[in-house]
């Protein structure tokens, strides 16, 4: 019986390093990091009733909202939210030009 040598294994470190080089993975990690700051940007009142859902082309961040009233209040504060979000987006080298508030996305968020 022929002996099989298992010497072609890739180390975990090499595998993780290779994955982190992929553009899609970098983008997903950056977005995830940005989404973590939403509570600080929106404030305690809205942190539990809204959360980032996705990014659209053109730098539009979709925010899932629990109710239409929450979406309306956030819409009225959109300019202030974008200003508060700017330091985080700049540190992550991202652009968020607009916010879209969507109550339909709340179920999936």
PDB file of N, CA and C in Angstrom:
ATOM      1  N   UNK A   1       0.847  -1.184   0.000  1.00  0.00           N
ATOM      2  CA  UNK A   1       0.000   0.000   0.000  1.00  0.00           C
ATOM      3  C   UNK A   1       0.887   1.240   0.000  1.00  0.00           C
ATOM      4  N   UNK A   2       0.522   2.192  -0.840  1.00  0.00           N
ATOM      5  CA  UNK A   2       1.319   3.406  -0.984  1.00  0.00           C
ATOM      6  C   UNK A   2       0.999   4.391   0.138  1.00  0.00           C
ATOM      7  N   UNK A   3       2.032   4.928   0.712  1.00  0.00           N
ATOM      8  CA  UNK A   3       1.873   5.890   1.797  1.00  0.00           C
ATOM      9  C   UNK A   3       1.610   7.274   1.203  1.00  0.00           C
ATOM     10  N   UNK A   4       0.615   7.963   1.728  1.00  0.00           N
ATOM     11  CA  UNK A   4       0.263   9.292   1.233  1.00  0.00           C
ATOM     12  C   UNK A   4       0.813  10.333   2.204  1.00  0.00           C
ATOM     13  N   UNK A   5       1.543  11.267   1.662  1.00  0.00           N
ATOM     14  CA  UNK A   5       2.091  12.349   2.483  1.00  0.00           C
ATOM     15  C   UNK A   5       1.258  13.608   2.276  1.00  0.00           C
ATOM     16  N   UNK A   6       0.841  14.182   3.357  1.00  0.00           N
ATOM     17  CA  UNK A   6       0.035  15.399   3.290  1.00  0.00           C
ATOM     18  C   UNK A   6       0.926  16.598   3.623  1.00  0.00           C
ATOM     19  N   UNK A   7       1.569  17.121   2.629  1.00  0.00           N
ATOM     20  CA  UNK A   7       2.480  18.237   2.865  1.00  0.00           C
ATOM     21  C   UNK A   7       2.069  19.500   2.122  1.00  0.00           C
ATOM     22  N   UNK A   8       0.956  19.443   1.392  1.00  0.00           N
ATOM     23  CA  UNK A   8       0.542  20.600   0.606  1.00  0.00           C
ATOM     24  C   UNK A   8      -0.501  21.464   1.315  1.00  0.00           C
ATOM     25  N   UNK A   9      -0.597  21.322   2.623  1.00  0.00           N
ATOM     26  CA  UNK A   9      -1.576  22.112   3.350  1.00  0.00           C
ATOM     27  C   UNK A   9      -1.189  23.586   3.352  1.00  0.00           C
ATOM     28  N   UNK A  10      -2.210  24.421   3.324  1.00  0.00           N
ATOM     29  CA  UNK A  10      -2.016  25.860   3.423  1.00  0.00           C
ATOM     30  C   UNK A  10      -2.341  26.251   4.856  1.00  0.00           C
ATOM     31  N   UNK A  11      -1.488  27.043   5.457  1.00  0.00           N
ATOM     32  CA  UNK A  11      -1.729  27.444   6.845  1.00  0.00           C
ATOM     33  C   UNK A  11      -2.923  28.399   6.916  1.00  0.00           C
ATOM     34  N   UNK A  12      -3.505  28.456   8.083  1.00  0.00           N
ATOM     35  CA  UNK A  12      -4.650  29.337   8.306  1.00  0.00           C
ATOM     36  C   UNK A  12      -4.264  30.790   8.046  1.00  0.00           C
ATOM     37  N   UNK A  13      -3.077  31.170   8.481  1.00  0.00           N
ATOM     38  CA  UNK A  13      -2.614  32.553   8.289  1.00  0.00           C
ATOM     39  C   UNK A  13      -2.526  32.896   6.801  1.00  0.00           C
ATOM     40  N   UNK A  14      -2.004  31.952   6.016  1.00  0.00           N
ATOM     41  CA  UNK A  14      -1.895  32.190   4.566  1.00  0.00           C
ATOM     42  C   UNK A  14      -3.273  32.305   3.931  1.00  0.00           C
ATOM     43  N   UNK A  15      -4.185  31.460   4.369  1.00  0.00           N
ATOM     44  CA  UNK A  15      -5.538  31.478   3.824  1.00  0.00           C
ATOM     45  C   UNK A  15      -6.245  32.791   4.147  1.00  0.00           C
ATOM     46  N   UNK A  16      -6.148  33.241   5.389  1.00  0.00           N
ATOM     47  CA  UNK A  16      -6.779  34.499   5.795  1.00  0.00           C
ATOM     48  C   UNK A  16      -6.156  35.674   5.045  1.00  0.00           C
ATOM     49  N   UNK A  17      -4.843  35.672   4.926  1.00  0.00           N
ATOM     50  CA  UNK A  17      -4.160  36.752   4.198  1.00  0.00           C
ATOM     51  C   UNK A  17      -4.614  36.801   2.741  1.00  0.00           C
ATOM     52  N   UNK A  18      -4.772  35.643   2.144  1.00  0.00           N
ATOM     53  CA  UNK A  18      -5.225  35.581   0.748  1.00  0.00           C
ATOM     54  C   UNK A  18      -6.656  36.103   0.612  1.00  0.00           C
ATOM     55  N   UNK A  19      -7.522  35.735   1.559  1.00  0.00           N
ATOM     56  CA  UNK A  19      -8.906  36.207   1.520  1.00  0.00           C
ATOM     57  C   UNK A  19      -8.994  37.721   1.712  1.00  0.00           C
ATOM     58  N   UNK A  20      -8.161  38.239   2.608  1.00  0.00           N
ATOM     59  CA  UNK A  20      -8.201  39.686   2.876  1.00  0.00           C
ATOM     60  C   UNK A  20      -7.702  40.509   1.700  1.00  0.00           C
ATOM     61  N   UNK A  21      -7.013  39.917   0.778  1.00  0.00           N
ATOM     62  CA  UNK A  21      -6.541  40.628  -0.410  1.00  0.00           C
ATOM     63  C   UNK A  21      -7.639  40.783  -1.460  1.00  0.00           C
ATOM     64  N   UNK A  22      -8.698  40.001  -1.331  1.00  0.00           N
ATOM     65  CA  UNK A  22      -9.780  40.067  -2.313  1.00  0.00           C
ATOM     66  C   UNK A  22     -10.575  41.360  -2.120  1.00  0.00           C
ATOM     67  N   UNK A  23     -10.848  42.018  -3.220  1.00  0.00           N
ATOM     68  CA  UNK A  23     -11.528  43.312  -3.205  1.00  0.00           C
ATOM     69  C   UNK A  23     -12.909  43.236  -2.547  1.00  0.00           C
ATOM     70  N   UNK A  24     -13.660  42.179  -2.852  1.00  0.00           N
ATOM     71  CA  UNK A  24     -15.010  42.040  -2.302  1.00  0.00           C
ATOM     72  C   UNK A  24     -14.983  41.884  -0.787  1.00  0.00           C
ATOM     73  N   UNK A  25     -14.011  41.139  -0.293  1.00  0.00           N
ATOM     74  CA  UNK A  25     -13.902  40.927   1.153  1.00  0.00           C
ATOM     75  C   UNK A  25     -13.527  42.234   1.848  1.00  0.00           C
ATOM     76  N   UNK A  26     -12.581  42.971   1.276  1.00  0.00           N
ATOM     77  CA  UNK A  26     -12.180  44.263   1.852  1.00  0.00           C
ATOM     78  C   UNK A  26     -13.371  45.209   1.920  1.00  0.00           C
ATOM     79  N   UNK A  27     -14.147  45.240   0.844  1.00  0.00           N
ATOM     80  CA  UNK A  27     -15.307  46.127   0.779  1.00  0.00           C
ATOM     81  C   UNK A  27     -16.343  45.739   1.849  1.00  0.00           C
ATOM     82  N   UNK A  28     -16.590  44.451   2.000  1.00  0.00           N
ATOM     83  CA  UNK A  28     -17.560  43.974   2.989  1.00  0.00           C
ATOM     84  C   UNK A  28     -17.107  44.300   4.409  1.00  0.00           C
ATOM     85  N   UNK A  29     -15.837  44.142   4.685  1.00  0.00           N
ATOM     86  CA  UNK A  29     -15.311  44.445   6.023  1.00  0.00           C
ATOM     87  C   UNK A  29     -15.408  45.941   6.310  1.00  0.00           C
ATOM     88  N   UNK A  30     -15.088  46.746   5.325  1.00  0.00           N
ATOM     89  CA  UNK A  30     -15.168  48.202   5.495  1.00  0.00           C
ATOM     90  C   UNK A  30     -16.602  48.638   5.762  1.00  0.00           C
ATOM     91  N   UNK A  31     -17.545  48.098   4.996  1.00  0.00           N
ATOM     92  CA  UNK A  31     -18.958  48.434   5.214  1.00  0.00           C
ATOM     93  C   UNK A  31     -19.413  47.992   6.598  1.00  0.00           C
ATOM     94  N   UNK A  32     -19.023  46.812   6.982  1.00  0.00           N
ATOM     95  CA  UNK A  32     -19.399  46.300   8.302  1.00  0.00           C
ATOM     96  C   UNK A  32     -18.873  47.212   9.405  1.00  0.00           C
ATOM     97  N   UNK A  33     -17.651  47.673   9.258  1.00  0.00           N
ATOM     98  CA  UNK A  33     -17.077  48.595  10.238  1.00  0.00           C
ATOM     99  C   UNK A  33     -17.855  49.904  10.285  1.00  0.00           C
ATOM    100  N   UNK A  34     -18.238  50.411   9.119  1.00  0.00           N
ATOM    101  CA  UNK A  34     -19.011  51.653   9.075  1.00  0.00           C
ATOM    102  C   UNK A  34     -20.370  51.457   9.752  1.00  0.00           C
ATOM    103  N   UNK A  35     -21.017  50.331   9.500  1.00  0.00           N
ATOM    104  CA  UNK A  35     -22.337  50.067  10.070  1.00  0.00           C
ATOM    105  C   UNK A  35     -22.299  50.034  11.600  1.00  0.00           C
ATOM    106  N   UNK A  36     -21.172  49.660  12.168  1.00  0.00           N
ATOM    107  CA  UNK A  36     -21.047  49.592  13.626  1.00  0.00           C
ATOM    108  C   UNK A  36     -21.167  50.972  14.281  1.00  0.00           C
ATOM    109  N   UNK A  37     -20.898  52.029  13.522  1.00  0.00           N
ATOM    110  CA  UNK A  37     -20.942  53.389  14.070  1.00  0.00           C
ATOM    111  C   UNK A  37     -22.329  54.014  13.990  1.00  0.00           C
ATOM    112  N   UNK A  38     -23.300  53.324  13.404  1.00  0.00           N
ATOM    113  CA  UNK A  38     -24.622  53.906  13.209  1.00  0.00           C
ATOM    114  C   UNK A  38     -25.247  54.344  14.534  1.00  0.00           C
ATOM    115  N   UNK A  39     -25.098  53.572  15.583  1.00  0.00           N
ATOM    116  CA  UNK A  39     -25.670  53.924  16.880  1.00  0.00           C
ATOM    117  C   UNK A  39     -25.147  55.254  17.395  1.00  0.00           C
ATOM    118  N   UNK A  40     -23.866  55.516  17.186  1.00  0.00           N
ATOM    119  CA  UNK A  40     -23.277  56.790  17.616  1.00  0.00           C
ATOM    120  C   UNK A  40     -23.786  57.937  16.760  1.00  0.00           C
ATOM    121  N   UNK A  41     -23.984  57.675  15.479  1.00  0.00           N
ATOM    122  CA  UNK A  41     -24.429  58.720  14.555  1.00  0.00           C
ATOM    123  C   UNK A  41     -25.909  59.040  14.777  1.00  0.00           C
ATOM    124  N   UNK A  42     -26.732  58.013  14.874  1.00  0.00           N
ATOM    125  CA  UNK A  42     -28.181  58.208  14.989  1.00  0.00           C
ATOM    126  C   UNK A  42     -28.607  58.596  16.403  1.00  0.00           C
ATOM    127  N   UNK A  43     -27.815  58.208  17.395  1.00  0.00           N
ATOM    128  CA  UNK A  43     -28.185  58.495  18.775  1.00  0.00           C
ATOM    129  C   UNK A  43     -28.957  57.341  19.387  1.00  0.00           C
ATOM    130  N   UNK A  44     -29.020  57.332  20.693  1.00  0.00           N
ATOM    131  CA  UNK A  44     -29.638  56.229  21.429  1.00  0.00           C
ATOM    132  C   UNK A  44     -31.108  56.035  21.062  1.00  0.00           C
ATOM    133  N   UNK A  45     -31.802  57.120  20.813  1.00  0.00           N
ATOM    134  CA  UNK A  45     -33.233  57.052  20.502  1.00  0.00           C
ATOM    135  C   UNK A  45     -33.498  56.235  19.237  1.00  0.00           C
ATOM    136  N   UNK A  46     -32.641  56.390  18.241  1.00  0.00           N
ATOM    137  CA  UNK A  46     -32.871  55.731  16.956  1.00  0.00           C
ATOM    138  C   UNK A  46     -32.006  54.489  16.737  1.00  0.00           C
ATOM    139  N   UNK A  47     -31.056  54.249  17.608  1.00  0.00           N
ATOM    140  CA  UNK A  47     -30.144  53.111  17.420  1.00  0.00           C
ATOM    141  C   UNK A  47     -30.886  51.775  17.433  1.00  0.00           C
ATOM    142  N   UNK A  48     -31.932  51.661  18.245  1.00  0.00           N
ATOM    143  CA  UNK A  48     -32.691  50.413  18.329  1.00  0.00           C
ATOM    144  C   UNK A  48     -33.799  50.315  17.279  1.00  0.00           C
ATOM    145  N   UNK A  49     -34.150  51.443  16.689  1.00  0.00           N
ATOM    146  CA  UNK A  49     -35.271  51.466  15.752  1.00  0.00           C
ATOM    147  C   UNK A  49     -34.847  51.592  14.296  1.00  0.00           C
ATOM    148  N   UNK A  50     -33.539  51.650  14.062  1.00  0.00           N
ATOM    149  CA  UNK A  50     -33.021  51.739  12.696  1.00  0.00           C
ATOM    150  C   UNK A  50     -31.636  51.114  12.654  1.00  0.00           C
ATOM    151  N   UNK A  51     -31.280  50.601  11.476  1.00  0.00           N
ATOM    152  CA  UNK A  51     -29.936  50.051  11.316  1.00  0.00           C
ATOM    153  C   UNK A  51     -29.558  50.036   9.840  1.00  0.00           C
ATOM    154  N   UNK A  52     -28.281  50.198   9.557  1.00  0.00           N
ATOM    155  CA  UNK A  52     -27.829  50.155   8.163  1.00  0.00           C
ATOM    156  C   UNK A  52     -28.166  48.811   7.544  1.00  0.00           C
ATOM    157  N   UNK A  53     -28.633  48.864   6.305  1.00  0.00           N
ATOM    158  CA  UNK A  53     -29.049  47.642   5.611  1.00  0.00           C
ATOM    159  C   UNK A  53     -28.116  47.293   4.462  1.00  0.00           C
ATOM    160  N   UNK A  54     -27.795  48.301   3.635  1.00  0.00           N
ATOM    161  CA  UNK A  54     -26.935  48.043   2.486  1.00  0.00           C
ATOM    162  C   UNK A  54     -26.418  49.367   1.914  1.00  0.00           C
ATOM    163  N   UNK A  55     -25.570  49.232   0.903  1.00  0.00           N
ATOM    164  CA  UNK A  55     -25.069  50.401   0.173  1.00  0.00           C
ATOM    165  C   UNK A  55     -25.491  50.266  -1.280  1.00  0.00           C
ATOM    166  N   UNK A  56     -25.947  51.362  -1.856  1.00  0.00           N
ATOM    167  CA  UNK A  56     -26.309  51.406  -3.258  1.00  0.00           C
ATOM    168  C   UNK A  56     -25.218  52.144  -4.023  1.00  0.00           C
ATOM    169  N   UNK A  57     -25.155  51.932  -5.332  1.00  0.00           N
ATOM    170  CA  UNK A  57     -24.184  52.688  -6.128  1.00  0.00           C
ATOM    171  C   UNK A  57     -24.378  54.193  -5.947  1.00  0.00           C
ATOM    172  N   UNK A  58     -23.302  54.927  -6.018  1.00  0.00           N
ATOM    173  CA  UNK A  58     -23.364  56.372  -5.841  1.00  0.00           C
ATOM    174  C   UNK A  58     -23.210  56.794  -4.392  1.00  0.00           C
ATOM    175  N   UNK A  59     -22.852  55.866  -3.527  1.00  0.00           N
ATOM    176  CA  UNK A  59     -22.639  56.210  -2.122  1.00  0.00           C
ATOM    177  C   UNK A  59     -23.913  56.439  -1.340  1.00  0.00           C
ATOM    178  N   UNK A  60     -24.968  55.696  -1.663  1.00  0.00           N
ATOM    179  CA  UNK A  60     -26.244  55.829  -0.958  1.00  0.00           C
ATOM    180  C   UNK A  60     -26.363  54.688   0.050  1.00  0.00           C
ATOM    181  N   UNK A  61     -26.463  55.052   1.318  1.00  0.00           N
ATOM    182  CA  UNK A  61     -26.613  54.048   2.371  1.00  0.00           C
ATOM    183  C   UNK A  61     -28.097  53.863   2.657  1.00  0.00           C
ATOM    184  N   UNK A  62     -28.549  52.606   2.599  1.00  0.00           N
ATOM    185  CA  UNK A  62     -29.942  52.279   2.892  1.00  0.00           C
ATOM    186  C   UNK A  62     -30.036  51.947   4.378  1.00  0.00           C
ATOM    187  N   UNK A  63     -30.968  52.624   5.053  1.00  0.00           N
ATOM    188  CA  UNK A  63     -31.185  52.419   6.478  1.00  0.00           C
ATOM    189  C   UNK A  63     -32.555  51.773   6.663  1.00  0.00           C
ATOM    190  N   UNK A  64     -32.573  50.597   7.282  1.00  0.00           N
ATOM    191  CA  UNK A  64     -33.834  49.929   7.596  1.00  0.00           C
ATOM    192  C   UNK A  64     -34.426  50.584   8.836  1.00  0.00           C
ATOM    193  N   UNK A  65     -35.716  50.915   8.762  1.00  0.00           N
ATOM    194  CA  UNK A  65     -36.385  51.596   9.876  1.00  0.00           C
ATOM    195  C   UNK A  65     -37.575  50.765  10.347  1.00  0.00           C
ATOM    196  N   UNK A  66     -37.767  50.764  11.656  1.00  0.00           N
ATOM    197  CA  UNK A  66     -38.824  49.962  12.270  1.00  0.00           C
ATOM    198  C   UNK A  66     -40.215  50.422  11.850  1.00  0.00           C
ATOM    199  N   UNK A  67     -40.435  51.735  11.803  1.00  0.00           N
ATOM    200  CA  UNK A  67     -41.750  52.281  11.464  1.00  0.00           C
ATOM    201  C   UNK A  67     -41.594  53.464  10.516  1.00  0.00           C
ATOM    202  N   UNK A  68     -42.675  53.828   9.817  1.00  0.00           N
ATOM    203  CA  UNK A  68     -42.620  55.023   8.975  1.00  0.00           C
ATOM    204  C   UNK A  68     -42.317  56.302   9.773  1.00  0.00           C
ATOM    205  N   UNK A  69     -42.759  56.355  11.028  1.00  0.00           N
ATOM    206  CA  UNK A  69     -42.493  57.539  11.850  1.00  0.00           C
ATOM    207  C   UNK A  69     -40.992  57.694  12.093  1.00  0.00           C
ATOM    208  N   UNK A  70     -40.299  56.570  12.331  1.00  0.00           N
ATOM    209  CA  UNK A  70     -38.845  56.605  12.526  1.00  0.00           C
ATOM    210  C   UNK A  70     -38.171  57.057  11.236  1.00  0.00           C
ATOM    211  N   UNK A  71     -38.633  56.514  10.111  1.00  0.00           N
ATOM    212  CA  UNK A  71     -38.065  56.895   8.813  1.00  0.00           C
ATOM    213  C   UNK A  71     -38.251  58.391   8.560  1.00  0.00           C
ATOM    214  N   UNK A  72     -39.419  58.913   8.899  1.00  0.00           N
ATOM    215  CA  UNK A  72     -39.704  60.339   8.700  1.00  0.00           C
ATOM    216  C   UNK A  72     -38.813  61.215   9.581  1.00  0.00           C
ATOM    217  N   UNK A  73     -38.663  60.842  10.841  1.00  0.00           N
ATOM    218  CA  UNK A  73     -37.810  61.629  11.742  1.00  0.00           C
ATOM    219  C   UNK A  73     -36.359  61.629  11.273  1.00  0.00           C
ATOM    220  N   UNK A  74     -35.899  60.459  10.848  1.00  0.00           N
ATOM    221  CA  UNK A  74     -34.519  60.381  10.353  1.00  0.00           C
ATOM    222  C   UNK A  74     -34.351  61.172   9.051  1.00  0.00           C
ATOM    223  N   UNK A  75     -35.374  61.151   8.225  1.00  0.00           N
ATOM    224  CA  UNK A  75     -35.324  61.914   6.964  1.00  0.00           C
ATOM    225  C   UNK A  75     -35.161  63.406   7.262  1.00  0.00           C
ATOM    226  N   UNK A  76     -35.848  63.884   8.291  1.00  0.00           N
ATOM    227  CA  UNK A  76     -35.739  65.293   8.658  1.00  0.00           C
ATOM    228  C   UNK A  76     -34.350  65.627   9.209  1.00  0.00           C
ATOM    229  N   UNK A  77     -33.657  64.622   9.745  1.00  0.00           N
ATOM    230  CA  UNK A  77     -32.322  64.835  10.308  1.00  0.00           C
ATOM    231  C   UNK A  77     -31.213  64.385   9.350  1.00  0.00           C
ATOM    232  N   UNK A  78     -31.556  64.122   8.098  1.00  0.00           N
ATOM    233  CA  UNK A  78     -30.604  63.543   7.155  1.00  0.00           C
ATOM    234  C   UNK A  78     -29.309  64.353   7.037  1.00  0.00           C
ATOM    235  N   UNK A  79     -29.407  65.649   6.904  1.00  0.00           N
ATOM    236  CA  UNK A  79     -28.211  66.487   6.762  1.00  0.00           C
ATOM    237  C   UNK A  79     -27.320  66.371   7.990  1.00  0.00           C
ATOM    238  N   UNK A  80     -27.916  66.406   9.160  1.00  0.00           N
ATOM    239  CA  UNK A  80     -27.141  66.271  10.400  1.00  0.00           C
ATOM    240  C   UNK A  80     -26.495  64.887  10.494  1.00  0.00           C
ATOM    241  N   UNK A  81     -27.223  63.865  10.082  1.00  0.00           N
ATOM    242  CA  UNK A  81     -26.684  62.501  10.122  1.00  0.00           C
ATOM    243  C   UNK A  81     -25.488  62.354   9.190  1.00  0.00           C
ATOM    244  N   UNK A  82     -25.588  62.943   8.007  1.00  0.00           N
ATOM    245  CA  UNK A  82     -24.474  62.871   7.053  1.00  0.00           C
ATOM    246  C   UNK A  82     -23.233  63.580   7.598  1.00  0.00           C
ATOM    247  N   UNK A  83     -23.435  64.694   8.287  1.00  0.00           N
ATOM    248  CA  UNK A  83     -22.316  65.417   8.891  1.00  0.00           C
ATOM    249  C   UNK A  83     -21.675  64.575   9.995  1.00  0.00           C
ATOM    250  N   UNK A  84     -22.499  63.947  10.827  1.00  0.00           N
ATOM    251  CA  UNK A  84     -21.967  63.098  11.900  1.00  0.00           C
ATOM    252  C   UNK A  84     -21.272  61.849  11.356  1.00  0.00           C
ATOM    253  N   UNK A  85     -21.733  61.369  10.221  1.00  0.00           N
ATOM    254  CA  UNK A  85     -21.183  60.158   9.611  1.00  0.00           C
ATOM    255  C   UNK A  85     -19.856  60.419   8.905  1.00  0.00           C
ATOM    256  N   UNK A  86     -19.646  61.668   8.506  1.00  0.00           N
ATOM    257  CA  UNK A  86     -18.475  62.015   7.694  1.00  0.00           C
ATOM    258  C   UNK A  86     -17.126  61.621   8.306  1.00  0.00           C
ATOM    259  N   UNK A  87     -16.859  61.875   9.581  1.00  0.00           N
ATOM    260  CA  UNK A  87     -15.551  61.456  10.128  1.00  0.00           C
ATOM    261  C   UNK A  87     -15.315  59.955  10.019  1.00  0.00           C
ATOM    262  N   UNK A  88     -16.370  59.183  10.200  1.00  0.00           N
ATOM    263  CA  UNK A  88     -16.235  57.725  10.105  1.00  0.00           C
ATOM    264  C   UNK A  88     -15.975  57.287   8.666  1.00  0.00           C
ATOM    265  N   UNK A  89     -16.698  57.890   7.733  1.00  0.00           N
ATOM    266  CA  UNK A  89     -16.501  57.509   6.324  1.00  0.00           C
ATOM    267  C   UNK A  89     -15.118  57.923   5.845  1.00  0.00           C
ATOM    268  N   UNK A  90     -14.645  59.073   6.286  1.00  0.00           N
ATOM    269  CA  UNK A  90     -13.315  59.524   5.872  1.00  0.00           C
ATOM    270  C   UNK A  90     -12.225  58.616   6.433  1.00  0.00           C
ATOM    271  N   UNK A  91     -12.378  58.187   7.680  1.00  0.00           N
ATOM    272  CA  UNK A  91     -11.358  57.319   8.274  1.00  0.00           C
ATOM    273  C   UNK A  91     -11.335  55.947   7.592  1.00  0.00           C
ATOM    274  N   UNK A  92     -12.480  55.520   7.065  1.00  0.00           N
ATOM    275  CA  UNK A  92     -12.556  54.232   6.365  1.00  0.00           C
ATOM    276  C   UNK A  92     -12.357  54.379   4.856  1.00  0.00           C
ATOM    277  N   UNK A  93     -12.123  55.622   4.415  1.00  0.00           N
ATOM    278  CA  UNK A  93     -11.933  55.934   2.990  1.00  0.00           C
ATOM    279  C   UNK A  93     -13.139  55.494   2.156  1.00  0.00           C
ATOM    280  N   UNK A  94     -14.312  55.852   2.649  1.00  0.00           N
ATOM    281  CA  UNK A  94     -15.568  55.567   1.955  1.00  0.00           C
ATOM    282  C   UNK A  94     -16.290  56.881   1.680  1.00  0.00           C
ATOM    283  N   UNK A  95     -17.245  56.810   0.784  1.00  0.00           N
ATOM    284  CA  UNK A  95     -18.087  57.972   0.514  1.00  0.00           C
ATOM    285  C   UNK A  95     -19.540  57.590   0.713  1.00  0.00           C
ATOM    286  N   UNK A  96     -20.213  58.355   1.545  1.00  0.00           N
ATOM    287  CA  UNK A  96     -21.656  58.232   1.706  1.00  0.00           C
ATOM    288  C   UNK A  96     -22.222  59.596   1.365  1.00  0.00           C
ATOM    289  N   UNK A  97     -22.892  59.669   0.214  1.00  0.00           N
ATOM    290  CA  UNK A  97     -23.419  60.939  -0.273  1.00  0.00           C
ATOM    291  C   UNK A  97     -24.871  61.171   0.125  1.00  0.00           C
ATOM    292  N   UNK A  98     -25.585  60.069   0.426  1.00  0.00           N
ATOM    293  CA  UNK A  98     -27.012  60.205   0.711  1.00  0.00           C
ATOM    294  C   UNK A  98     -27.456  59.041   1.599  1.00  0.00           C
ATOM    295  N   UNK A  99     -28.587  59.235   2.253  1.00  0.00           N
ATOM    296  CA  UNK A  99     -29.191  58.194   3.076  1.00  0.00           C
ATOM    297  C   UNK A  99     -30.600  57.934   2.567  1.00  0.00           C
ATOM    298  N   UNK A 100     -30.960  56.687   2.469  1.00  0.00           N
ATOM    299  CA  UNK A 100     -32.314  56.296   2.052  1.00  0.00           C
ATOM    300  C   UNK A 100     -32.908  55.491   3.189  1.00  0.00           C
ATOM    301  N   UNK A 101     -34.089  55.886   3.643  1.00  0.00           N
ATOM    302  CA  UNK A 101     -34.728  55.232   4.773  1.00  0.00           C
ATOM    303  C   UNK A 101     -35.866  54.363   4.259  1.00  0.00           C
ATOM    304  N   UNK A 102     -35.857  53.084   4.652  1.00  0.00           N
ATOM    305  CA  UNK A 102     -36.789  52.120   4.102  1.00  0.00           C
ATOM    306  C   UNK A 102     -37.368  51.235   5.208  1.00  0.00           C
ATOM    307  N   UNK A 103     -38.682  51.290   5.382  1.00  0.00           N
ATOM    308  CA  UNK A 103     -39.326  50.467   6.415  1.00  0.00           C
ATOM    309  C   UNK A 103     -39.508  49.020   5.947  1.00  0.00           C
ATOM    310  N   UNK A 104     -39.542  48.798   4.651  1.00  0.00           N
ATOM    311  CA  UNK A 104     -39.711  47.436   4.127  1.00  0.00           C
ATOM    312  C   UNK A 104     -38.507  46.553   4.424  1.00  0.00           C
ATOM    313  N   UNK A 105     -37.356  47.133   4.588  1.00  0.00           N
ATOM    314  CA  UNK A 105     -36.134  46.365   4.833  1.00  0.00           C
ATOM    315  C   UNK A 105     -35.994  45.940   6.292  1.00  0.00           C
ATOM    316  N   UNK A 106     -36.839  46.467   7.184  1.00  0.00           N
ATOM    317  CA  UNK A 106     -36.702  46.175   8.607  1.00  0.00           C
ATOM    318  C   UNK A 106     -36.853  44.682   8.910  1.00  0.00           C
ATOM    319  N   UNK A 107     -37.767  44.006   8.242  1.00  0.00           N
ATOM    320  CA  UNK A 107     -37.995  42.580   8.484  1.00  0.00           C
ATOM    321  C   UNK A 107     -36.743  41.768   8.194  1.00  0.00           C
ATOM    322  N   UNK A 108     -35.995  42.169   7.172  1.00  0.00           N
ATOM    323  CA  UNK A 108     -34.825  41.417   6.751  1.00  0.00           C
ATOM    324  C   UNK A 108     -33.550  41.833   7.476  1.00  0.00           C
ATOM    325  N   UNK A 109     -33.596  42.956   8.169  1.00  0.00           N
ATOM    326  CA  UNK A 109     -32.371  43.492   8.796  1.00  0.00           C
ATOM    327  C   UNK A 109     -32.010  42.772  10.057  1.00  0.00           C
TER     328      UNK A 109
END
